[in-house]
Amino acid sequence: MLRRPITRWALLAAVLVVIGLCPATAAPIAWASAGAATALAAVPGKVLLGLAVIAYLRNRPATAPKASA
C-alpha cells in the first residue's frame, strides 16, 4: 500500500478534484443536447424526413457502370 502519508493525501486530493470537476464539465454538454432537442421538437416530422431524403439523394454513393460485353 502507500506508505507515505503525503502520497495518500495527494491521491485523495486528486480524486476529490476529479469528482468535483465532473459535473461542471458535463453541464455544457447537457445544455447543448437540451437545446438540440428543443430545436428538433419545433420542426415537424415530415419536414425532417424530407430533409433526410434530400441529404441522402445528394450524398448517395456512386454506382459502378455496368460492363458491356
N, C-alpha and C. Protein backbone atom coordinates (compact mmCIF):
# COMPACT_ATOMS: atom_id res chain seq x y z
N MET A 1 0.85 -1.18 0.00
CA MET A 1 0.00 0.00 0.00
C MET A 1 0.89 1.24 0.00
N LEU A 2 0.27 2.36 0.02
CA LEU A 2 1.02 3.62 0.03
C LEU A 2 1.56 3.87 1.43
N ARG A 3 2.87 3.95 1.55
CA ARG A 3 3.48 4.08 2.87
C ARG A 3 3.65 5.52 3.30
N ARG A 4 3.74 6.42 2.36
CA ARG A 4 3.97 7.82 2.72
C ARG A 4 2.63 8.53 2.86
N PRO A 5 2.42 9.22 3.97
CA PRO A 5 1.14 9.91 4.17
C PRO A 5 0.89 11.00 3.12
N ILE A 6 1.95 11.65 2.65
CA ILE A 6 1.76 12.71 1.67
C ILE A 6 1.21 12.15 0.37
N THR A 7 1.58 10.92 0.04
CA THR A 7 1.08 10.29 -1.18
C THR A 7 -0.41 10.02 -1.05
N ARG A 8 -0.82 9.58 0.11
CA ARG A 8 -2.26 9.33 0.33
C ARG A 8 -3.06 10.62 0.22
N TRP A 9 -2.54 11.67 0.81
CA TRP A 9 -3.25 12.95 0.75
C TRP A 9 -3.29 13.50 -0.67
N ALA A 10 -2.20 13.33 -1.40
CA ALA A 10 -2.17 13.81 -2.78
C ALA A 10 -3.15 13.02 -3.65
N LEU A 11 -3.21 11.72 -3.43
CA LEU A 11 -4.14 10.88 -4.17
C LEU A 11 -5.59 11.24 -3.82
N LEU A 12 -5.86 11.45 -2.56
CA LEU A 12 -7.19 11.85 -2.12
C LEU A 12 -7.57 13.20 -2.72
N ALA A 13 -6.64 14.13 -2.73
CA ALA A 13 -6.91 15.44 -3.32
C ALA A 13 -7.19 15.32 -4.82
N ALA A 14 -6.45 14.49 -5.51
CA ALA A 14 -6.68 14.30 -6.94
C ALA A 14 -8.05 13.70 -7.21
N VAL A 15 -8.44 12.73 -6.41
CA VAL A 15 -9.76 12.11 -6.57
C VAL A 15 -10.86 13.13 -6.31
N LEU A 16 -10.71 13.92 -5.27
CA LEU A 16 -11.74 14.91 -4.96
C LEU A 16 -11.83 15.99 -6.03
N VAL A 17 -10.70 16.36 -6.62
CA VAL A 17 -10.73 17.35 -7.70
C VAL A 17 -11.47 16.78 -8.90
N VAL A 18 -11.19 15.53 -9.25
CA VAL A 18 -11.85 14.91 -10.40
C VAL A 18 -13.35 14.79 -10.14
N ILE A 19 -13.73 14.36 -8.95
CA ILE A 19 -15.15 14.23 -8.61
C ILE A 19 -15.82 15.60 -8.62
N GLY A 20 -15.14 16.61 -8.17
CA GLY A 20 -15.73 17.94 -8.13
C GLY A 20 -15.84 18.59 -9.49
N LEU A 21 -14.95 18.24 -10.43
CA LEU A 21 -14.97 18.86 -11.75
C LEU A 21 -15.88 18.16 -12.74
N CYS A 22 -16.22 16.91 -12.49
CA CYS A 22 -17.04 16.17 -13.46
C CYS A 22 -18.40 16.82 -13.72
N PRO A 23 -19.17 17.23 -12.71
CA PRO A 23 -20.45 17.87 -13.01
C PRO A 23 -20.29 19.19 -13.76
N ALA A 24 -19.24 19.94 -13.47
CA ALA A 24 -19.03 21.22 -14.14
C ALA A 24 -18.67 21.01 -15.62
N THR A 25 -17.97 19.96 -15.94
CA THR A 25 -17.62 19.71 -17.33
C THR A 25 -18.76 19.07 -18.10
N ALA A 26 -19.66 18.40 -17.43
CA ALA A 26 -20.78 17.76 -18.11
C ALA A 26 -21.94 18.71 -18.36
N ALA A 27 -22.00 19.81 -17.64
CA ALA A 27 -23.13 20.73 -17.77
C ALA A 27 -23.27 21.32 -19.16
N PRO A 28 -22.21 21.83 -19.81
CA PRO A 28 -22.40 22.38 -21.16
C PRO A 28 -22.89 21.34 -22.17
N ILE A 29 -22.48 20.09 -22.01
CA ILE A 29 -22.94 19.03 -22.90
C ILE A 29 -24.44 18.82 -22.72
N ALA A 30 -24.90 18.82 -21.48
CA ALA A 30 -26.32 18.66 -21.21
C ALA A 30 -27.11 19.84 -21.77
N TRP A 31 -26.58 21.04 -21.64
CA TRP A 31 -27.27 22.22 -22.18
C TRP A 31 -27.36 22.14 -23.70
N ALA A 32 -26.30 21.71 -24.35
CA ALA A 32 -26.31 21.63 -25.81
C ALA A 32 -27.29 20.57 -26.29
N SER A 33 -27.33 19.45 -25.62
CA SER A 33 -28.27 18.40 -26.05
C SER A 33 -29.71 18.83 -25.78
N ALA A 34 -29.95 19.55 -24.71
CA ALA A 34 -31.30 20.05 -24.45
C ALA A 34 -31.71 21.08 -25.50
N GLY A 35 -30.80 21.92 -25.90
CA GLY A 35 -31.09 22.90 -26.95
C GLY A 35 -31.36 22.24 -28.29
N ALA A 36 -30.59 21.20 -28.61
CA ALA A 36 -30.80 20.49 -29.87
C ALA A 36 -32.14 19.76 -29.85
N ALA A 37 -32.50 19.19 -28.72
CA ALA A 37 -33.79 18.50 -28.62
C ALA A 37 -34.93 19.49 -28.77
N THR A 38 -34.79 20.67 -28.21
CA THR A 38 -35.83 21.70 -28.35
C THR A 38 -35.97 22.14 -29.80
N ALA A 39 -34.86 22.32 -30.47
CA ALA A 39 -34.90 22.74 -31.88
C ALA A 39 -35.51 21.66 -32.76
N LEU A 40 -35.16 20.40 -32.51
CA LEU A 40 -35.73 19.31 -33.30
C LEU A 40 -37.22 19.13 -33.03
N ALA A 41 -37.64 19.39 -31.80
CA ALA A 41 -39.05 19.23 -31.46
C ALA A 41 -39.90 20.30 -32.15
N ALA A 42 -39.32 21.42 -32.48
CA ALA A 42 -40.07 22.51 -33.11
C ALA A 42 -40.30 22.26 -34.59
N VAL A 43 -39.53 21.36 -35.20
CA VAL A 43 -39.65 21.08 -36.63
C VAL A 43 -40.55 19.85 -36.81
N PRO A 44 -41.55 19.93 -37.69
CA PRO A 44 -42.43 18.77 -37.91
C PRO A 44 -41.67 17.57 -38.46
N GLY A 45 -42.17 16.39 -38.18
CA GLY A 45 -41.52 15.15 -38.59
C GLY A 45 -41.41 15.00 -40.09
N LYS A 46 -42.44 15.43 -40.83
CA LYS A 46 -42.41 15.30 -42.29
C LYS A 46 -41.31 16.17 -42.90
N VAL A 47 -41.07 17.31 -42.31
CA VAL A 47 -40.00 18.18 -42.80
C VAL A 47 -38.64 17.53 -42.54
N LEU A 48 -38.47 16.95 -41.36
CA LEU A 48 -37.20 16.27 -41.06
C LEU A 48 -36.99 15.09 -42.00
N LEU A 49 -38.05 14.34 -42.27
CA LEU A 49 -37.94 13.21 -43.20
C LEU A 49 -37.57 13.69 -44.60
N GLY A 50 -38.19 14.78 -45.04
CA GLY A 50 -37.86 15.33 -46.35
C GLY A 50 -36.42 15.79 -46.44
N LEU A 51 -35.94 16.43 -45.39
CA LEU A 51 -34.53 16.86 -45.37
C LEU A 51 -33.59 15.67 -45.38
N ALA A 52 -33.96 14.60 -44.68
CA ALA A 52 -33.12 13.40 -44.66
C ALA A 52 -33.06 12.77 -46.04
N VAL A 53 -34.18 12.73 -46.76
CA VAL A 53 -34.20 12.17 -48.11
C VAL A 53 -33.36 13.02 -49.05
N ILE A 54 -33.49 14.32 -48.95
CA ILE A 54 -32.69 15.21 -49.81
C ILE A 54 -31.21 15.04 -49.53
N ALA A 55 -30.84 14.95 -48.26
CA ALA A 55 -29.43 14.76 -47.92
C ALA A 55 -28.90 13.43 -48.44
N TYR A 56 -29.74 12.39 -48.37
CA TYR A 56 -29.31 11.08 -48.89
C TYR A 56 -29.13 11.13 -50.40
N LEU A 57 -30.09 11.72 -51.08
CA LEU A 57 -30.01 11.76 -52.54
C LEU A 57 -28.82 12.58 -53.03
N ARG A 58 -28.47 13.61 -52.31
CA ARG A 58 -27.32 14.43 -52.72
C ARG A 58 -26.00 13.76 -52.40
N ASN A 59 -25.97 12.87 -51.41
CA ASN A 59 -24.71 12.28 -50.95
C ASN A 59 -24.66 10.77 -51.10
N ARG A 60 -25.52 10.19 -51.90
CA ARG A 60 -25.53 8.74 -52.03
C ARG A 60 -24.27 8.27 -52.74
N PRO A 61 -23.86 7.05 -52.45
CA PRO A 61 -22.64 6.53 -53.08
C PRO A 61 -22.86 6.33 -54.59
N ALA A 62 -21.82 6.57 -55.33
CA ALA A 62 -21.89 6.42 -56.78
C ALA A 62 -21.91 4.93 -57.13
N THR A 63 -22.72 4.59 -58.11
CA THR A 63 -22.76 3.19 -58.54
C THR A 63 -21.78 2.99 -59.69
N ALA A 64 -21.19 1.81 -59.74
CA ALA A 64 -20.22 1.49 -60.80
C ALA A 64 -20.97 1.23 -62.10
N PRO A 65 -20.45 1.73 -63.22
CA PRO A 65 -21.11 1.46 -64.51
C PRO A 65 -21.03 -0.03 -64.84
N LYS A 66 -22.10 -0.52 -65.47
CA LYS A 66 -22.12 -1.94 -65.84
C LYS A 66 -21.23 -2.16 -67.07
N ALA A 67 -20.49 -3.24 -67.02
CA ALA A 67 -19.60 -3.55 -68.14
C ALA A 67 -20.42 -4.18 -69.26
N SER A 68 -20.23 -3.69 -70.46
CA SER A 68 -20.95 -4.27 -71.61
C SER A 68 -20.02 -5.27 -72.30
N ALA A 69 -20.60 -6.39 -72.73
CA ALA A 69 -19.78 -7.43 -73.33
C ALA A 69 -19.60 -7.29 -74.78
